[in-house]
Amino acid sequence: MTLSIRRAEARDASLVFDFIRELAEYEKLAHEVDATEADIAAALFAQQPRVFADIAEWDGEPAGFALWFYNFSTFRGRHGIYLEDLFVRPDFRSKGIGKALLRHLARRCVAEGLPRLEWWVLDWNEPALRFYRSIGALPMDEWTVQRVTGEALAELAAG
């Protein structure tokens, strides 16, 4: 059994989109997916992309993915990596694939001198929370996520 991780290529647009839909189903958020495969392809494979994806393959079979982008810490004065999505298909879980994807991103951080790798996790996802604690991730309980979207975003923009 072999695991390989590679950067997503344009031919992977439908695969990445499938992973996104499968993740949304798992998180009970499928109703929030309004992206299309074309949207994902345009974002990931633009001339100068601002978002990236890595594909994990187990014995050549697509097993999971990590979708990420560079963020910036004003306090650290440097970029970091923000992991938007990490997903491993159910049949491939408990094989170390999620950990390997995180290790892959951690190595990128170290190689590029980036001081942090961070992500959100749903508060009900206890298996993920246990896993993240096991690799040394720390919950940032003192921070509360804020979001402006839809009509409120349009109203804010209109001033």
C-alpha atoms as a PDB file:
ATOM      1  CA  MET A   1       0.000   0.000   0.000  1.00  0.00           C
ATOM      2  CA  THR A   2       1.483   3.307  -1.079  1.00  0.00           C
ATOM      3  CA  LEU A   3       0.488   6.866  -0.433  1.00  0.00           C
ATOM      4  CA  SER A   4       1.482   9.730  -2.685  1.00  0.00           C
ATOM      5  CA  ILE A   5       0.659  13.417  -2.455  1.00  0.00           C
ATOM      6  CA  ARG A   6       0.819  15.682  -5.456  1.00  0.00           C
ATOM      7  CA  ARG A   7      -0.247  19.160  -6.487  1.00  0.00           C
ATOM      8  CA  ALA A   8      -3.615  19.202  -8.238  1.00  0.00           C
ATOM      9  CA  GLU A   9      -3.455  19.789 -11.978  1.00  0.00           C
ATOM     10  CA  ALA A  10      -6.057  21.206 -14.363  1.00  0.00           C
ATOM     11  CA  ARG A  11      -7.175  17.657 -15.234  1.00  0.00           C
ATOM     12  CA  ASP A  12      -8.161  17.283 -11.540  1.00  0.00           C
ATOM     13  CA  ALA A  13     -10.828  20.002 -11.497  1.00  0.00           C
ATOM     14  CA  SER A  14     -13.732  17.549 -11.425  1.00  0.00           C
ATOM     15  CA  LEU A  15     -11.998  15.426  -8.777  1.00  0.00           C
ATOM     16  CA  VAL A  16     -11.442  18.437  -6.529  1.00  0.00           C
ATOM     17  CA  PHE A  17     -15.045  19.464  -7.023  1.00  0.00           C
ATOM     18  CA  ASP A  18     -16.171  15.926  -6.125  1.00  0.00           C
ATOM     19  CA  PHE A  19     -14.090  16.087  -2.931  1.00  0.00           C
ATOM     20  CA  ILE A  20     -15.696  19.435  -2.062  1.00  0.00           C
ATOM     21  CA  ARG A  21     -19.191  18.004  -2.513  1.00  0.00           C
ATOM     22  CA  GLU A  22     -18.330  14.900  -0.476  1.00  0.00           C
ATOM     23  CA  LEU A  23     -16.935  17.091   2.311  1.00  0.00           C
ATOM     24  CA  ALA A  24     -20.057  19.267   2.258  1.00  0.00           C
ATOM     25  CA  GLU A  25     -22.227  16.155   2.571  1.00  0.00           C
ATOM     26  CA  TYR A  26     -20.155  14.911   5.513  1.00  0.00           C
ATOM     27  CA  GLU A  27     -20.402  18.309   7.228  1.00  0.00           C
ATOM     28  CA  LYS A  28     -24.149  18.481   6.549  1.00  0.00           C
ATOM     29  CA  LEU A  29     -23.563  21.650   4.530  1.00  0.00           C
ATOM     30  CA  ALA A  30     -24.326  20.484   0.989  1.00  0.00           C
ATOM     31  CA  HIS A  31     -27.043  23.136   0.774  1.00  0.00           C
ATOM     32  CA  GLU A  32     -24.356  25.817   1.049  1.00  0.00           C
ATOM     33  CA  VAL A  33     -22.358  24.693  -1.989  1.00  0.00           C
ATOM     34  CA  ASP A  34     -23.055  27.055  -4.842  1.00  0.00           C
ATOM     35  CA  ALA A  35     -19.624  26.753  -6.455  1.00  0.00           C
ATOM     36  CA  THR A  36     -19.403  24.976  -9.770  1.00  0.00           C
ATOM     37  CA  GLU A  37     -16.662  22.815 -11.170  1.00  0.00           C
ATOM     38  CA  ALA A  38     -15.832  25.729 -13.491  1.00  0.00           C
ATOM     39  CA  ASP A  39     -15.480  28.065 -10.485  1.00  0.00           C
ATOM     40  CA  ILE A  40     -13.064  25.673  -8.803  1.00  0.00           C
ATOM     41  CA  ALA A  41     -11.078  25.160 -12.002  1.00  0.00           C
ATOM     42  CA  ALA A  42     -10.826  28.913 -12.581  1.00  0.00           C
ATOM     43  CA  ALA A  43      -9.603  29.528  -9.027  1.00  0.00           C
ATOM     44  CA  LEU A  44      -7.111  26.672  -8.794  1.00  0.00           C
ATOM     45  CA  PHE A  45      -5.677  26.825 -12.284  1.00  0.00           C
ATOM     46  CA  ALA A  46      -5.655  30.539 -13.082  1.00  0.00           C
ATOM     47  CA  GLN A  47      -2.565  32.205 -14.522  1.00  0.00           C
ATOM     48  CA  GLN A  48      -1.668  33.360 -11.000  1.00  0.00           C
ATOM     49  CA  PRO A  49      -3.734  31.188  -8.642  1.00  0.00           C
ATOM     50  CA  ARG A  50      -4.497  32.378  -5.123  1.00  0.00           C
ATOM     51  CA  VAL A  51      -5.656  28.987  -3.893  1.00  0.00           C
ATOM     52  CA  PHE A  52      -4.021  25.571  -4.217  1.00  0.00           C
ATOM     53  CA  ALA A  53      -4.930  21.918  -3.788  1.00  0.00           C
ATOM     54  CA  ASP A  54      -2.941  18.803  -3.027  1.00  0.00           C
ATOM     55  CA  ILE A  55      -4.306  15.366  -3.877  1.00  0.00           C
ATOM     56  CA  ALA A  56      -3.590  12.258  -1.805  1.00  0.00           C
ATOM     57  CA  GLU A  57      -3.638   8.977  -3.692  1.00  0.00           C
ATOM     58  CA  TRP A  58      -3.640   5.551  -2.060  1.00  0.00           C
ATOM     59  CA  ASP A  59      -2.343   2.917  -4.484  1.00  0.00           C
ATOM     60  CA  GLY A  60      -3.179   5.310  -7.323  1.00  0.00           C
ATOM     61  CA  GLU A  61      -6.763   5.887  -6.163  1.00  0.00           C
ATOM     62  CA  PRO A  62      -7.859   9.423  -5.202  1.00  0.00           C
ATOM     63  CA  ALA A  63      -8.244   9.252  -1.423  1.00  0.00           C
ATOM     64  CA  GLY A  64      -8.355  12.831  -0.180  1.00  0.00           C
ATOM     65  CA  PHE A  65      -7.321  16.410  -0.655  1.00  0.00           C
ATOM     66  CA  ALA A  66      -6.187  19.578   1.032  1.00  0.00           C
ATOM     67  CA  LEU A  67      -7.242  22.957  -0.337  1.00  0.00           C
ATOM     68  CA  TRP A  68      -5.222  25.884   1.002  1.00  0.00           C
ATOM     69  CA  PHE A  69      -3.984  29.422   0.451  1.00  0.00           C
ATOM     70  CA  TYR A  70      -1.444  31.815   1.892  1.00  0.00           C
ATOM     71  CA  ASN A  71      -2.653  34.150   4.626  1.00  0.00           C
ATOM     72  CA  PHE A  72      -0.744  36.836   6.490  1.00  0.00           C
ATOM     73  CA  SER A  73      -0.091  37.539  10.150  1.00  0.00           C
ATOM     74  CA  THR A  74       0.478  41.187  10.930  1.00  0.00           C
ATOM     75  CA  PHE A  75       1.770  40.223  14.377  1.00  0.00           C
ATOM     76  CA  ARG A  76       4.340  37.840  12.889  1.00  0.00           C
ATOM     77  CA  GLY A  77       4.978  40.004   9.825  1.00  0.00           C
ATOM     78  CA  ARG A  78       4.947  36.943   7.597  1.00  0.00           C
ATOM     79  CA  HIS A  79       2.665  34.740   5.569  1.00  0.00           C
ATOM     80  CA  GLY A  80       1.323  31.429   6.762  1.00  0.00           C
ATOM     81  CA  ILE A  81      -0.872  28.758   5.265  1.00  0.00           C
ATOM     82  CA  TYR A  82      -4.590  28.609   5.848  1.00  0.00           C
ATOM     83  CA  LEU A  83      -6.071  25.175   5.240  1.00  0.00           C
ATOM     84  CA  GLU A  84      -9.558  25.760   3.870  1.00  0.00           C
ATOM     85  CA  ASP A  85     -10.510  22.108   3.476  1.00  0.00           C
ATOM     86  CA  LEU A  86      -9.045  18.737   4.390  1.00  0.00           C
ATOM     87  CA  PHE A  87     -11.004  15.649   3.431  1.00  0.00           C
ATOM     88  CA  VAL A  88     -10.284  11.942   3.256  1.00  0.00           C
ATOM     89  CA  ARG A  89     -12.865   9.635   1.730  1.00  0.00           C
ATOM     90  CA  PRO A  90     -14.410   7.252   4.291  1.00  0.00           C
ATOM     91  CA  ASP A  91     -12.943   4.104   2.703  1.00  0.00           C
ATOM     92  CA  PHE A  92      -9.445   5.543   3.103  1.00  0.00           C
ATOM     93  CA  ARG A  93      -9.664   6.804   6.680  1.00  0.00           C
ATOM     94  CA  SER A  94      -7.407   5.468   9.459  1.00  0.00           C
ATOM     95  CA  LYS A  95      -4.523   4.993   7.024  1.00  0.00           C
ATOM     96  CA  GLY A  96      -2.636   8.172   8.001  1.00  0.00           C
ATOM     97  CA  ILE A  97      -3.708  10.097   4.898  1.00  0.00           C
ATOM     98  CA  GLY A  98      -5.070  13.152   6.740  1.00  0.00           C
ATOM     99  CA  LYS A  99      -1.932  13.321   8.837  1.00  0.00           C
ATOM    100  CA  ALA A 100       0.217  12.970   5.712  1.00  0.00           C
ATOM    101  CA  LEU A 101      -1.615  15.874   4.044  1.00  0.00           C
ATOM    102  CA  LEU A 102      -1.070  18.033   7.140  1.00  0.00           C
ATOM    103  CA  ARG A 103       2.580  16.966   7.312  1.00  0.00           C
ATOM    104  CA  HIS A 104       2.943  17.904   3.634  1.00  0.00           C
ATOM    105  CA  LEU A 105       1.646  21.417   4.393  1.00  0.00           C
ATOM    106  CA  ALA A 106       3.758  21.684   7.554  1.00  0.00           C
ATOM    107  CA  ARG A 107       6.845  20.847   5.499  1.00  0.00           C
ATOM    108  CA  ARG A 108       5.902  23.581   3.037  1.00  0.00           C
ATOM    109  CA  CYS A 109       5.621  26.027   5.946  1.00  0.00           C
ATOM    110  CA  VAL A 110       9.036  25.045   7.297  1.00  0.00           C
ATOM    111  CA  ALA A 111      10.674  25.128   3.843  1.00  0.00           C
ATOM    112  CA  GLU A 112       9.223  28.581   3.090  1.00  0.00           C
ATOM    113  CA  GLY A 113       9.846  30.045   6.556  1.00  0.00           C
ATOM    114  CA  LEU A 114       6.131  30.387   7.287  1.00  0.00           C
ATOM    115  CA  PRO A 115       5.418  30.517  11.039  1.00  0.00           C
ATOM    116  CA  ARG A 116       1.947  28.970  11.101  1.00  0.00           C
ATOM    117  CA  LEU A 117      -0.490  26.518   9.604  1.00  0.00           C
ATOM    118  CA  GLU A 118      -4.076  27.059  10.680  1.00  0.00           C
ATOM    119  CA  TRP A 119      -7.643  26.003   9.928  1.00  0.00           C
ATOM    120  CA  TRP A 120     -11.167  25.879  11.319  1.00  0.00           C
ATOM    121  CA  VAL A 121     -13.014  22.785  12.443  1.00  0.00           C
ATOM    122  CA  LEU A 122     -16.697  22.374  13.192  1.00  0.00           C
ATOM    123  CA  ASP A 123     -17.266  22.198  16.943  1.00  0.00           C
ATOM    124  CA  TRP A 124     -19.354  19.012  16.660  1.00  0.00           C
ATOM    125  CA  ASN A 125     -16.696  17.093  14.707  1.00  0.00           C
ATOM    126  CA  GLU A 126     -15.208  15.263  17.684  1.00  0.00           C
ATOM    127  CA  PRO A 127     -13.189  12.744  15.624  1.00  0.00           C
ATOM    128  CA  ALA A 128     -11.455  15.630  13.831  1.00  0.00           C
ATOM    129  CA  LEU A 129     -10.947  17.551  17.083  1.00  0.00           C
ATOM    130  CA  ARG A 130      -9.308  14.494  18.710  1.00  0.00           C
ATOM    131  CA  PHE A 131      -7.125  13.962  15.670  1.00  0.00           C
ATOM    132  CA  TYR A 132      -6.013  17.602  15.565  1.00  0.00           C
ATOM    133  CA  ARG A 133      -5.185  17.553  19.285  1.00  0.00           C
ATOM    134  CA  SER A 134      -3.111  14.399  18.715  1.00  0.00           C
ATOM    135  CA  ILE A 135      -0.853  16.234  16.256  1.00  0.00           C
ATOM    136  CA  GLY A 136      -0.351  19.243  18.520  1.00  0.00           C
ATOM    137  CA  ALA A 137      -2.954  21.648  17.144  1.00  0.00           C
ATOM    138  CA  LEU A 138      -4.218  24.165  19.682  1.00  0.00           C
ATOM    139  CA  PRO A 139      -7.800  25.454  19.701  1.00  0.00           C
ATOM    140  CA  MET A 140      -8.005  29.225  19.517  1.00  0.00           C
ATOM    141  CA  ASP A 141     -10.955  29.528  21.882  1.00  0.00           C
ATOM    142  CA  GLU A 142     -10.455  33.222  22.523  1.00  0.00           C
ATOM    143  CA  TRP A 143     -11.230  34.018  18.874  1.00  0.00           C
ATOM    144  CA  THR A 144     -14.720  34.100  17.396  1.00  0.00           C
ATOM    145  CA  VAL A 145     -15.205  33.849  13.654  1.00  0.00           C
ATOM    146  CA  GLN A 146     -17.140  36.709  12.101  1.00  0.00           C
ATOM    147  CA  ARG A 147     -18.670  36.636   8.634  1.00  0.00           C
ATOM    148  CA  VAL A 148     -20.569  39.086   6.466  1.00  0.00           C
ATOM    149  CA  THR A 149     -22.311  37.554   3.460  1.00  0.00           C
ATOM    150  CA  GLY A 150     -25.358  37.880   1.222  1.00  0.00           C
ATOM    151  CA  GLU A 151     -27.617  40.852   1.797  1.00  0.00           C
ATOM    152  CA  ALA A 152     -25.598  42.090   4.768  1.00  0.00           C
ATOM    153  CA  LEU A 153     -22.466  42.159   2.598  1.00  0.00           C
ATOM    154  CA  ALA A 154     -24.275  44.123  -0.117  1.00  0.00           C
ATOM    155  CA  GLU A 155     -25.614  46.588   2.474  1.00  0.00           C
ATOM    156  CA  LEU A 156     -22.180  47.049   4.023  1.00  0.00           C
ATOM    157  CA  ALA A 157     -20.655  47.654   0.605  1.00  0.00           C
ATOM    158  CA  ALA A 158     -23.340  50.184  -0.293  1.00  0.00           C
ATOM    159  CA  GLY A 159     -22.532  52.132   2.853  1.00  0.00           C
END
